[in-house]
Amino acid sequence: MSNTLTIVAAFIAKPGHEQPLRRELDAMIGPSLAEDGCLGYQPYADPARPDRMIIVEEWADEAALEHHFSLPHFAHVAEVLGEILAEPFTLRRLTDVPA
C-alpha cells in the first residue's frame, strides 16, 4: 500500500484580488515540484467563481509535506495570501483507500 498523501488546498480571494491569487499559486508550481517528495502540484480555477481556486498536491509522505511547509517559497506565499484571501485557506489531507 502506498504512503502517498494527497492535499486539496482551497482558496477564496478578496474581491479584486483574483489575478494576484492566480499569480501567487502559479509561482508555487516550479519550486514545489523541484522538492524531494513532491509527486504532483497543480492549481485549478473555478470557471464559474474566479475568486476560488484549489491546488491538488501529492506528496511521498507526511515528512515531505512538512518539509514543504518549512521552505522560503511557502513562507512567502503564506504571507502574501494573508493579504489577498477573503478567509484563511483550508487544507484537506487525503490518503489512499485500501482495495
Protein backbone atom coordinates (compact mmCIF):
# COMPACT_ATOMS: atom_id res chain seq x y z
CA MET A 1 0.00 0.00 0.00
CA SER A 2 1.19 3.49 -0.83
CA ASN A 3 2.00 6.07 1.84
CA THR A 4 1.34 8.98 -0.50
CA LEU A 5 -0.55 11.94 0.80
CA THR A 6 -2.89 13.98 -1.37
CA ILE A 7 -3.64 17.54 -0.32
CA VAL A 8 -6.50 19.67 -1.57
CA ALA A 9 -5.90 23.31 -0.63
CA ALA A 10 -8.80 25.72 -1.21
CA PHE A 11 -8.52 29.49 -1.59
CA ILE A 12 -11.03 32.36 -1.87
CA ALA A 13 -9.62 35.72 -2.98
CA LYS A 14 -10.84 39.06 -1.74
CA PRO A 15 -12.76 41.00 -4.40
CA GLY A 16 -10.28 42.42 -6.91
CA HIS A 17 -7.51 40.00 -5.85
CA GLU A 18 -8.31 37.14 -8.22
CA GLN A 19 -5.32 37.72 -10.53
CA PRO A 20 -2.79 38.11 -7.70
CA LEU A 21 -4.08 34.81 -6.27
CA ARG A 22 -3.55 33.07 -9.62
CA ARG A 23 -0.06 34.54 -9.97
CA GLU A 24 1.00 33.52 -6.48
CA LEU A 25 -0.32 29.98 -6.79
CA ASP A 26 1.20 29.56 -10.27
CA ALA A 27 4.56 30.75 -8.89
CA MET A 28 4.49 27.86 -6.40
CA ILE A 29 4.39 25.13 -9.07
CA GLY A 30 8.06 25.07 -10.11
CA PRO A 31 9.67 25.32 -6.66
CA SER A 32 7.24 22.78 -5.21
CA LEU A 33 7.74 20.23 -7.99
CA ALA A 34 11.51 20.58 -7.52
CA GLU A 35 11.25 19.45 -3.89
CA ASP A 36 12.17 15.90 -2.95
CA GLY A 37 8.95 14.08 -2.19
CA CYS A 38 6.64 16.26 -4.29
CA LEU A 39 4.89 13.96 -6.77
CA GLY A 40 2.39 16.48 -8.13
CA TYR A 41 1.33 20.09 -7.67
CA GLN A 42 -1.45 21.54 -9.83
CA PRO A 43 -3.62 24.65 -9.30
CA TYR A 44 -7.17 24.70 -10.65
CA ALA A 45 -9.56 27.63 -11.09
CA ASP A 46 -13.34 27.55 -10.78
CA PRO A 47 -14.61 28.96 -14.11
CA ALA A 48 -17.91 30.00 -12.50
CA ARG A 49 -16.25 31.66 -9.48
CA PRO A 50 -12.99 33.43 -10.45
CA ASP A 51 -12.32 34.21 -6.79
CA ARG A 52 -11.97 30.49 -5.97
CA MET A 53 -9.02 28.23 -6.66
CA ILE A 54 -7.70 24.93 -5.38
CA ILE A 55 -4.36 23.20 -5.55
CA VAL A 56 -4.19 19.41 -5.71
CA GLU A 57 -0.85 18.23 -4.38
CA GLU A 58 0.63 14.78 -4.00
CA TRP A 59 3.46 14.10 -1.58
CA ALA A 60 5.51 10.97 -0.98
CA ASP A 61 4.73 11.13 2.74
CA GLU A 62 3.90 13.42 5.64
CA ALA A 63 7.59 14.28 6.17
CA ALA A 64 7.85 15.65 2.60
CA LEU A 65 4.79 17.84 3.17
CA GLU A 66 6.10 19.14 6.49
CA HIS A 67 9.42 19.98 4.81
CA HIS A 68 7.47 21.90 2.12
CA PHE A 69 5.86 24.00 4.86
CA SER A 70 9.31 24.98 6.16
CA LEU A 71 10.74 26.33 2.89
CA PRO A 72 11.10 30.01 1.91
CA HIS A 73 8.76 29.85 -1.10
CA PHE A 74 5.98 28.50 1.14
CA ALA A 75 6.64 31.16 3.80
CA HIS A 76 6.47 33.85 1.11
CA VAL A 77 3.18 32.66 -0.38
CA ALA A 78 1.64 32.21 3.07
CA GLU A 79 2.48 35.82 3.91
CA VAL A 80 1.08 37.15 0.61
CA LEU A 81 -2.05 35.01 0.85
CA GLY A 82 -2.75 36.54 4.24
CA GLU A 83 -3.22 39.86 2.44
CA ILE A 84 -5.22 38.70 -0.60
CA LEU A 85 -7.55 35.99 0.73
CA ALA A 86 -11.08 36.67 1.93
CA GLU A 87 -10.66 33.94 4.57
CA PRO A 88 -7.88 31.56 5.64
CA PHE A 89 -7.17 28.80 3.14
CA THR A 90 -8.18 25.24 4.00
CA LEU A 91 -6.19 22.01 3.65
CA ARG A 92 -7.74 18.58 3.26
CA ARG A 93 -5.37 15.65 3.76
CA LEU A 94 -6.36 12.51 1.86
CA THR A 95 -4.81 9.05 1.79
CA ASP A 96 -5.34 6.03 -0.42
CA VAL A 97 -8.33 3.83 0.30
CA PRO A 98 -7.38 0.16 0.61
CA ALA A 99 -8.80 -2.00 -2.19
